Amino acid sequence: MEKKLNEMAIKESGIITKVDGNKTIRRRLLDMGVVSNTKITMVKLAPLGDPIQVHLRGYELTLRKSEAQIVSVEIDNGGEKHD
């Protein structure tokens, strides 16, 4: 099942399938390692949903909700969490 990154539940994991958005924001996300075929796990969600914290490539990354909305993720059915 595919979701936008901002729609993921805490501890839900998946593989990034697509990064949309304008050239500037897309380049910023790609430079931070948010690229296709990368495993990503939702770690924390602020009370009002902004910002969110994710785990990818061995580090924690905090993103704005507007940034997370342009990242598509194929959800793992196993629901693995990172250690």
PDB file of N, CA and C in Angstrom:
ATOM      1  N   MET A   1       0.843  -1.175   0.000  1.00  0.00           N
ATOM      2  CA  MET A   1       0.000   0.000   0.000  1.00  0.00           C
ATOM      3  C   MET A   1       0.890   1.240   0.000  1.00  0.00           C
ATOM      4  N   GLU A   2       0.542   2.211  -0.826  1.00  0.00           N
ATOM      5  CA  GLU A   2       1.339   3.435  -0.903  1.00  0.00           C
ATOM      6  C   GLU A   2       0.659   4.555  -0.123  1.00  0.00           C
ATOM      7  N   LYS A   3       1.475   5.310   0.617  1.00  0.00           N
ATOM      8  CA  LYS A   3       1.010   6.458   1.390  1.00  0.00           C
ATOM      9  C   LYS A   3       1.986   7.602   1.198  1.00  0.00           C
ATOM     10  N   LYS A   4       1.540   8.785   1.566  1.00  0.00           N
ATOM     11  CA  LYS A   4       2.447   9.920   1.671  1.00  0.00           C
ATOM     12  C   LYS A   4       3.142   9.809   3.023  1.00  0.00           C
ATOM     13  N   LEU A   5       4.346  10.302   3.125  1.00  0.00           N
ATOM     14  CA  LEU A   5       5.128  10.200   4.356  1.00  0.00           C
ATOM     15  C   LEU A   5       4.389  10.791   5.547  1.00  0.00           C
ATOM     16  N   ASN A   6       3.695  11.887   5.358  1.00  0.00           N
ATOM     17  CA  ASN A   6       2.981  12.527   6.470  1.00  0.00           C
ATOM     18  C   ASN A   6       1.771  11.714   6.944  1.00  0.00           C
ATOM     19  N   GLU A   7       1.341  10.700   6.197  1.00  0.00           N
ATOM     20  CA  GLU A   7       0.203   9.864   6.564  1.00  0.00           C
ATOM     21  C   GLU A   7       0.613   8.615   7.341  1.00  0.00           C
ATOM     22  N   MET A   8       1.902   8.363   7.460  1.00  0.00           N
ATOM     23  CA  MET A   8       2.384   7.163   8.140  1.00  0.00           C
ATOM     24  C   MET A   8       2.157   7.252   9.648  1.00  0.00           C
ATOM     25  N   ALA A   9       1.943   6.089  10.269  1.00  0.00           N
ATOM     26  CA  ALA A   9       1.789   6.001  11.718  1.00  0.00           C
ATOM     27  C   ALA A   9       3.167   5.850  12.366  1.00  0.00           C
ATOM     28  N   ILE A  10       3.255   6.154  13.644  1.00  0.00           N
ATOM     29  CA  ILE A  10       4.507   5.987  14.381  1.00  0.00           C
ATOM     30  C   ILE A  10       4.916   4.522  14.339  1.00  0.00           C
ATOM     31  N   LYS A  11       6.208   4.269  14.108  1.00  0.00           N
ATOM     32  CA  LYS A  11       6.844   2.959  13.967  1.00  0.00           C
ATOM     33  C   LYS A  11       6.507   2.243  12.662  1.00  0.00           C
ATOM     34  N   GLU A  12       5.750   2.878  11.783  1.00  0.00           N
ATOM     35  CA  GLU A  12       5.443   2.288  10.477  1.00  0.00           C
ATOM     36  C   GLU A  12       6.636   2.513   9.551  1.00  0.00           C
ATOM     37  N   SER A  13       6.970   1.501   8.757  1.00  0.00           N
ATOM     38  CA  SER A  13       8.123   1.563   7.861  1.00  0.00           C
ATOM     39  C   SER A  13       7.703   1.350   6.421  1.00  0.00           C
ATOM     40  N   GLY A  14       8.558   1.781   5.528  1.00  0.00           N
ATOM     41  CA  GLY A  14       8.317   1.559   4.111  1.00  0.00           C
ATOM     42  C   GLY A  14       9.524   1.960   3.285  1.00  0.00           C
ATOM     43  N   ILE A  15       9.353   1.844   1.978  1.00  0.00           N
ATOM     44  CA  ILE A  15      10.400   2.194   1.024  1.00  0.00           C
ATOM     45  C   ILE A  15       9.934   3.415   0.240  1.00  0.00           C
ATOM     46  N   ILE A  16      10.784   4.430   0.158  1.00  0.00           N
ATOM     47  CA  ILE A  16      10.452   5.635  -0.594  1.00  0.00           C
ATOM     48  C   ILE A  16      10.336   5.268  -2.071  1.00  0.00           C
ATOM     49  N   THR A  17       9.235   5.663  -2.696  1.00  0.00           N
ATOM     50  CA  THR A  17       9.022   5.361  -4.112  1.00  0.00           C
ATOM     51  C   THR A  17       9.149   6.589  -5.000  1.00  0.00           C
ATOM     52  N   LYS A  18       8.859   7.780  -4.442  1.00  0.00           N
ATOM     53  CA  LYS A  18       8.860   8.983  -5.277  1.00  0.00           C
ATOM     54  C   LYS A  18       8.988  10.230  -4.411  1.00  0.00           C
ATOM     55  N   VAL A  19       9.720  11.209  -4.921  1.00  0.00           N
ATOM     56  CA  VAL A  19       9.822  12.517  -4.271  1.00  0.00           C
ATOM     57  C   VAL A  19       9.386  13.557  -5.303  1.00  0.00           C
ATOM     58  N   ASP A  20       8.256  14.219  -5.027  1.00  0.00           N
ATOM     59  CA  ASP A  20       7.714  15.235  -5.935  1.00  0.00           C
ATOM     60  C   ASP A  20       8.146  16.616  -5.472  1.00  0.00           C
ATOM     61  N   GLY A  21       7.408  17.630  -5.877  1.00  0.00           N
ATOM     62  CA  GLY A  21       7.651  18.985  -5.400  1.00  0.00           C
ATOM     63  C   GLY A  21       8.431  19.823  -6.385  1.00  0.00           C
ATOM     64  N   ASN A  22       8.547  21.117  -6.046  1.00  0.00           N
ATOM     65  CA  ASN A  22       9.298  22.018  -6.922  1.00  0.00           C
ATOM     66  C   ASN A  22      10.789  21.706  -6.837  1.00  0.00           C
ATOM     67  N   LYS A  23      11.534  22.256  -7.758  1.00  0.00           N
ATOM     68  CA  LYS A  23      12.956  21.937  -7.890  1.00  0.00           C
ATOM     69  C   LYS A  23      13.746  22.189  -6.603  1.00  0.00           C
ATOM     70  N   THR A  24      13.476  23.296  -5.932  1.00  0.00           N
ATOM     71  CA  THR A  24      14.233  23.672  -4.741  1.00  0.00           C
ATOM     72  C   THR A  24      14.001  22.703  -3.592  1.00  0.00           C
ATOM     73  N   ILE A  25      12.733  22.436  -3.276  1.00  0.00           N
ATOM     74  CA  ILE A  25      12.428  21.554  -2.149  1.00  0.00           C
ATOM     75  C   ILE A  25      12.834  20.116  -2.455  1.00  0.00           C
ATOM     76  N   ARG A  26      12.640  19.691  -3.692  1.00  0.00           N
ATOM     77  CA  ARG A  26      13.018  18.333  -4.091  1.00  0.00           C
ATOM     78  C   ARG A  26      14.532  18.139  -3.946  1.00  0.00           C
ATOM     79  N   ARG A  27      15.307  19.104  -4.395  1.00  0.00           N
ATOM     80  CA  ARG A  27      16.776  19.033  -4.286  1.00  0.00           C
ATOM     81  C   ARG A  27      17.203  18.986  -2.825  1.00  0.00           C
ATOM     82  N   ARG A  28      16.547  19.759  -1.979  1.00  0.00           N
ATOM     83  CA  ARG A  28      16.871  19.781  -0.546  1.00  0.00           C
ATOM     84  C   ARG A  28      16.643  18.399   0.067  1.00  0.00           C
ATOM     85  N   LEU A  29      15.498  17.780  -0.249  1.00  0.00           N
ATOM     86  CA  LEU A  29      15.203  16.448   0.279  1.00  0.00           C
ATOM     87  C   LEU A  29      16.184  15.408  -0.248  1.00  0.00           C
ATOM     88  N   LEU A  30      16.486  15.462  -1.532  1.00  0.00           N
ATOM     89  CA  LEU A  30      17.441  14.510  -2.114  1.00  0.00           C
ATOM     90  C   LEU A  30      18.819  14.655  -1.463  1.00  0.00           C
ATOM     91  N   ASP A  31      19.231  15.889  -1.197  1.00  0.00           N
ATOM     92  CA  ASP A  31      20.527  16.127  -0.549  1.00  0.00           C
ATOM     93  C   ASP A  31      20.574  15.568   0.872  1.00  0.00           C
ATOM     94  N   MET A  32      19.408  15.467   1.525  1.00  0.00           N
ATOM     95  CA  MET A  32      19.347  14.928   2.890  1.00  0.00           C
ATOM     96  C   MET A  32      19.193  13.407   2.892  1.00  0.00           C
ATOM     97  N   GLY A  33      19.174  12.789   1.716  1.00  0.00           N
ATOM     98  CA  GLY A  33      19.093  11.331   1.643  1.00  0.00           C
ATOM     99  C   GLY A  33      17.699  10.779   1.435  1.00  0.00           C
ATOM    100  N   VAL A  34      16.720  11.648   1.229  1.00  0.00           N
ATOM    101  CA  VAL A  34      15.345  11.201   0.987  1.00  0.00           C
ATOM    102  C   VAL A  34      15.236  10.903  -0.508  1.00  0.00           C
ATOM    103  N   VAL A  35      15.648   9.689  -0.883  1.00  0.00           N
ATOM    104  CA  VAL A  35      15.675   9.285  -2.288  1.00  0.00           C
ATOM    105  C   VAL A  35      14.924   7.968  -2.461  1.00  0.00           C
ATOM    106  N   SER A  36      14.515   7.694  -3.682  1.00  0.00           N
ATOM    107  CA  SER A  36      13.794   6.459  -3.993  1.00  0.00           C
ATOM    108  C   SER A  36      14.594   5.233  -3.574  1.00  0.00           C
ATOM    109  N   ASN A  37      13.871   4.179  -3.221  1.00  0.00           N
ATOM    110  CA  ASN A  37      14.428   2.885  -2.802  1.00  0.00           C
ATOM    111  C   ASN A  37      15.172   2.930  -1.478  1.00  0.00           C
ATOM    112  N   THR A  38      14.873   3.915  -0.643  1.00  0.00           N
ATOM    113  CA  THR A  38      15.459   4.025   0.692  1.00  0.00           C
ATOM    114  C   THR A  38      14.418   3.647   1.731  1.00  0.00           C
ATOM    115  N   LYS A  39      14.814   2.796   2.700  1.00  0.00           N
ATOM    116  CA  LYS A  39      13.899   2.431   3.782  1.00  0.00           C
ATOM    117  C   LYS A  39      13.756   3.613   4.732  1.00  0.00           C
ATOM    118  N   ILE A  40      12.516   3.864   5.166  1.00  0.00           N
ATOM    119  CA  ILE A  40      12.227   4.980   6.055  1.00  0.00           C
ATOM    120  C   ILE A  40      11.221   4.536   7.108  1.00  0.00           C
ATOM    121  N   THR A  41      11.398   4.996   8.352  1.00  0.00           N
ATOM    122  CA  THR A  41      10.512   4.646   9.462  1.00  0.00           C
ATOM    123  C   THR A  41      10.070   5.913  10.170  1.00  0.00           C
ATOM    124  N   MET A  42       8.767   6.011  10.439  1.00  0.00           N
ATOM    125  CA  MET A  42       8.231   7.145  11.202  1.00  0.00           C
ATOM    126  C   MET A  42       8.619   6.950  12.664  1.00  0.00           C
ATOM    127  N   VAL A  43       9.263   7.939  13.263  1.00  0.00           N
ATOM    128  CA  VAL A  43       9.731   7.843  14.646  1.00  0.00           C
ATOM    129  C   VAL A  43       8.832   8.642  15.585  1.00  0.00           C
ATOM    130  N   LYS A  44       8.651   9.919  15.295  1.00  0.00           N
ATOM    131  CA  LYS A  44       7.860  10.801  16.163  1.00  0.00           C
ATOM    132  C   LYS A  44       7.003  11.721  15.318  1.00  0.00           C
ATOM    133  N   LEU A  45       5.912  12.146  15.926  1.00  0.00           N
ATOM    134  CA  LEU A  45       5.000  13.081  15.287  1.00  0.00           C
ATOM    135  C   LEU A  45       4.630  14.129  16.325  1.00  0.00           C
ATOM    136  N   ALA A  46       4.846  15.392  16.011  1.00  0.00           N
ATOM    137  CA  ALA A  46       4.507  16.470  16.945  1.00  0.00           C
ATOM    138  C   ALA A  46       2.991  16.477  17.191  1.00  0.00           C
ATOM    139  N   PRO A  47       2.550  16.998  18.335  1.00  0.00           N
ATOM    140  CA  PRO A  47       1.125  16.990  18.669  1.00  0.00           C
ATOM    141  C   PRO A  47       0.210  17.546  17.578  1.00  0.00           C
ATOM    142  N   LEU A  48       0.632  18.558  16.868  1.00  0.00           N
ATOM    143  CA  LEU A  48      -0.190  19.119  15.798  1.00  0.00           C
ATOM    144  C   LEU A  48       0.213  18.592  14.423  1.00  0.00           C
ATOM    145  N   GLY A  49       1.075  17.572  14.408  1.00  0.00           N
ATOM    146  CA  GLY A  49       1.470  16.940  13.152  1.00  0.00           C
ATOM    147  C   GLY A  49       2.604  17.617  12.410  1.00  0.00           C
ATOM    148  N   ASP A  50       3.209  18.630  13.006  1.00  0.00           N
ATOM    149  CA  ASP A  50       4.290  19.340  12.338  1.00  0.00           C
ATOM    150  C   ASP A  50       5.289  19.812  13.365  1.00  0.00           C
ATOM    151  N   PRO A  51       6.528  19.400  13.357  1.00  0.00           N
ATOM    152  CA  PRO A  51       7.188  18.564  12.350  1.00  0.00           C
ATOM    153  C   PRO A  51       7.050  17.069  12.661  1.00  0.00           C
ATOM    154  N   ILE A  52       7.651  16.255  11.776  1.00  0.00           N
ATOM    155  CA  ILE A  52       7.713  14.817  11.995  1.00  0.00           C
ATOM    156  C   ILE A  52       9.183  14.400  12.037  1.00  0.00           C
ATOM    157  N   GLN A  53       9.460  13.294  12.722  1.00  0.00           N
ATOM    158  CA  GLN A  53      10.825  12.780  12.783  1.00  0.00           C
ATOM    159  C   GLN A  53      10.820  11.387  12.183  1.00  0.00           C
ATOM    160  N   VAL A  54      11.751  11.141  11.264  1.00  0.00           N
ATOM    161  CA  VAL A  54      11.870   9.849  10.599  1.00  0.00           C
ATOM    162  C   VAL A  54      13.288   9.307  10.757  1.00  0.00           C
ATOM    163  N   HIS A  55      13.413   7.999  10.554  1.00  0.00           N
ATOM    164  CA  HIS A  55      14.718   7.348  10.590  1.00  0.00           C
ATOM    165  C   HIS A  55      14.994   6.800   9.195  1.00  0.00           C
ATOM    166  N   LEU A  56      16.145   7.153   8.626  1.00  0.00           N
ATOM    167  CA  LEU A  56      16.570   6.613   7.346  1.00  0.00           C
ATOM    168  C   LEU A  56      18.077   6.672   7.252  1.00  0.00           C
ATOM    169  N   ARG A  57      18.648   5.724   6.527  1.00  0.00           N
ATOM    170  CA  ARG A  57      20.099   5.696   6.299  1.00  0.00           C
ATOM    171  C   ARG A  57      20.935   5.822   7.575  1.00  0.00           C
ATOM    172  N   GLY A  58      20.413   5.308   8.696  1.00  0.00           N
ATOM    173  CA  GLY A  58      21.172   5.293   9.937  1.00  0.00           C
ATOM    174  C   GLY A  58      21.116   6.578  10.753  1.00  0.00           C
ATOM    175  N   TYR A  59      20.250   7.509  10.422  1.00  0.00           N
ATOM    176  CA  TYR A  59      20.138   8.738  11.214  1.00  0.00           C
ATOM    177  C   TYR A  59      18.688   9.197  11.313  1.00  0.00           C
ATOM    178  N   GLU A  60      18.443  10.115  12.232  1.00  0.00           N
ATOM    179  CA  GLU A  60      17.116  10.694  12.437  1.00  0.00           C
ATOM    180  C   GLU A  60      17.050  12.017  11.680  1.00  0.00           C
ATOM    181  N   LEU A  61      15.918  12.243  11.018  1.00  0.00           N
ATOM    182  CA  LEU A  61      15.719  13.452  10.235  1.00  0.00           C
ATOM    183  C   LEU A  61      14.369  14.053  10.596  1.00  0.00           C
ATOM    184  N   THR A  62      14.330  15.344  10.818  1.00  0.00           N
ATOM    185  CA  THR A  62      13.082  16.054  11.114  1.00  0.00           C
ATOM    186  C   THR A  62      12.667  16.831   9.876  1.00  0.00           C
ATOM    187  N   LEU A  63      11.396  16.640   9.487  1.00  0.00           N
ATOM    188  CA  LEU A  63      10.858  17.287   8.292  1.00  0.00           C
ATOM    189  C   LEU A  63       9.583  18.051   8.615  1.00  0.00           C
ATOM    190  N   ARG A  64       9.330  19.091   7.865  1.00  0.00           N
ATOM    191  CA  ARG A  64       8.057  19.789   7.957  1.00  0.00           C
ATOM    192  C   ARG A  64       6.975  18.933   7.308  1.00  0.00           C
ATOM    193  N   LYS A  65       5.747  19.143   7.735  1.00  0.00           N
ATOM    194  CA  LYS A  65       4.619  18.407   7.160  1.00  0.00           C
ATOM    195  C   LYS A  65       4.524  18.660   5.653  1.00  0.00           C
ATOM    196  N   SER A  66       4.769  19.889   5.235  1.00  0.00           N
ATOM    197  CA  SER A  66       4.707  20.227   3.807  1.00  0.00           C
ATOM    198  C   SER A  66       5.757  19.468   3.000  1.00  0.00           C
ATOM    199  N   GLU A  67       6.907  19.193   3.603  1.00  0.00           N
ATOM    200  CA  GLU A  67       7.943  18.409   2.930  1.00  0.00           C
ATOM    201  C   GLU A  67       7.543  16.936   2.873  1.00  0.00           C
ATOM    202  N   ALA A  68       6.983  16.432   3.966  1.00  0.00           N
ATOM    203  CA  ALA A  68       6.586  15.031   4.036  1.00  0.00           C
ATOM    204  C   ALA A  68       5.448  14.713   3.066  1.00  0.00           C
ATOM    205  N   GLN A  69       4.616  15.694   2.745  1.00  0.00           N
ATOM    206  CA  GLN A  69       3.484  15.479   1.848  1.00  0.00           C
ATOM    207  C   GLN A  69       3.896  15.174   0.415  1.00  0.00           C
ATOM    208  N   ILE A  70       5.113  15.487   0.044  1.00  0.00           N
ATOM    209  CA  ILE A  70       5.546  15.250  -1.339  1.00  0.00           C
ATOM    210  C   ILE A  70       6.371  13.979  -1.497  1.00  0.00           C
ATOM    211  N   VAL A  71       6.504  13.209  -0.406  1.00  0.00           N
ATOM    212  CA  VAL A  71       7.269  11.959  -0.434  1.00  0.00           C
ATOM    213  C   VAL A  71       6.292  10.781  -0.398  1.00  0.00           C
ATOM    214  N   SER A  72       6.337   9.927  -1.420  1.00  0.00           N
ATOM    215  CA  SER A  72       5.491   8.734  -1.479  1.00  0.00           C
ATOM    216  C   SER A  72       6.275   7.538  -0.956  1.00  0.00           C
ATOM    217  N   VAL A  73       5.589   6.699  -0.161  1.00  0.00           N
ATOM    218  CA  VAL A  73       6.238   5.550   0.493  1.00  0.00           C
ATOM    219  C   VAL A  73       5.389   4.301   0.277  1.00  0.00           C
ATOM    220  N   GLU A  74       6.030   3.200  -0.125  1.00  0.00           N
ATOM    221  CA  GLU A  74       5.374   1.891  -0.196  1.00  0.00           C
ATOM    222  C   GLU A  74       5.544   1.251   1.174  1.00  0.00           C
ATOM    223  N   ILE A  75       4.434   1.040   1.875  1.00  0.00           N
ATOM    224  CA  ILE A  75       4.461   0.571   3.259  1.00  0.00           C
ATOM    225  C   ILE A  75       4.818  -0.912   3.329  1.00  0.00           C
ATOM    226  N   ASP A  76       5.703  -1.261   4.304  1.00  0.00           N
ATOM    227  CA  ASP A  76       6.032  -2.671   4.604  1.00  0.00           C
ATOM    228  C   ASP A  76       4.842  -3.310   5.280  1.00  0.00           C
ATOM    229  N   ASN A  77       4.455  -4.490   4.836  1.00  0.00           N
ATOM    230  CA  ASN A  77       3.367  -5.197   5.493  1.00  0.00           C
ATOM    231  C   ASN A  77       3.785  -5.742   6.849  1.00  0.00           C
ATOM    232  N   GLY A  78       5.081  -5.980   7.032  1.00  0.00           N
ATOM    233  CA  GLY A  78       5.583  -6.498   8.298  1.00  0.00           C
ATOM    234  C   GLY A  78       5.591  -5.472   9.410  1.00  0.00           C
ATOM    235  N   GLY A  79       5.579  -4.188   9.066  1.00  0.00           N
ATOM    236  CA  GLY A  79       5.573  -3.119  10.060  1.00  0.00           C
ATOM    237  C   GLY A  79       6.795  -3.112  10.941  1.00  0.00           C
ATOM    238  N   GLU A  80       7.968  -3.379  10.341  1.00  0.00           N
ATOM    239  CA  GLU A  80       9.210  -3.424  11.122  1.00  0.00           C
ATOM    240  C   GLU A  80       9.531  -2.064  11.698  1.00  0.00           C
ATOM    241  N   LYS A  81      10.158  -2.065  12.873  1.00  0.00           N
ATOM    242  CA  LYS A  81      10.656  -0.809  13.421  1.00  0.00           C
ATOM    243  C   LYS A  81      12.172  -0.869  13.456  1.00  0.00           C
ATOM    244  N   HIS A  82      12.821   0.281  13.467  1.00  0.00           N
ATOM    245  CA  HIS A  82      14.281   0.298  13.498  1.00  0.00           C
ATOM    246  C   HIS A  82      14.764   0.169  14.935  1.00  0.00           C
ATOM    247  N   ASP A  83      16.004  -0.224  15.083  1.00  0.00           N
ATOM    248  CA  ASP A  83      16.610  -0.370  16.409  1.00  0.00           C
ATOM    249  C   ASP A  83      17.467   0.829  16.740  1.00  0.00           C
TER     250      ASP A  83
END
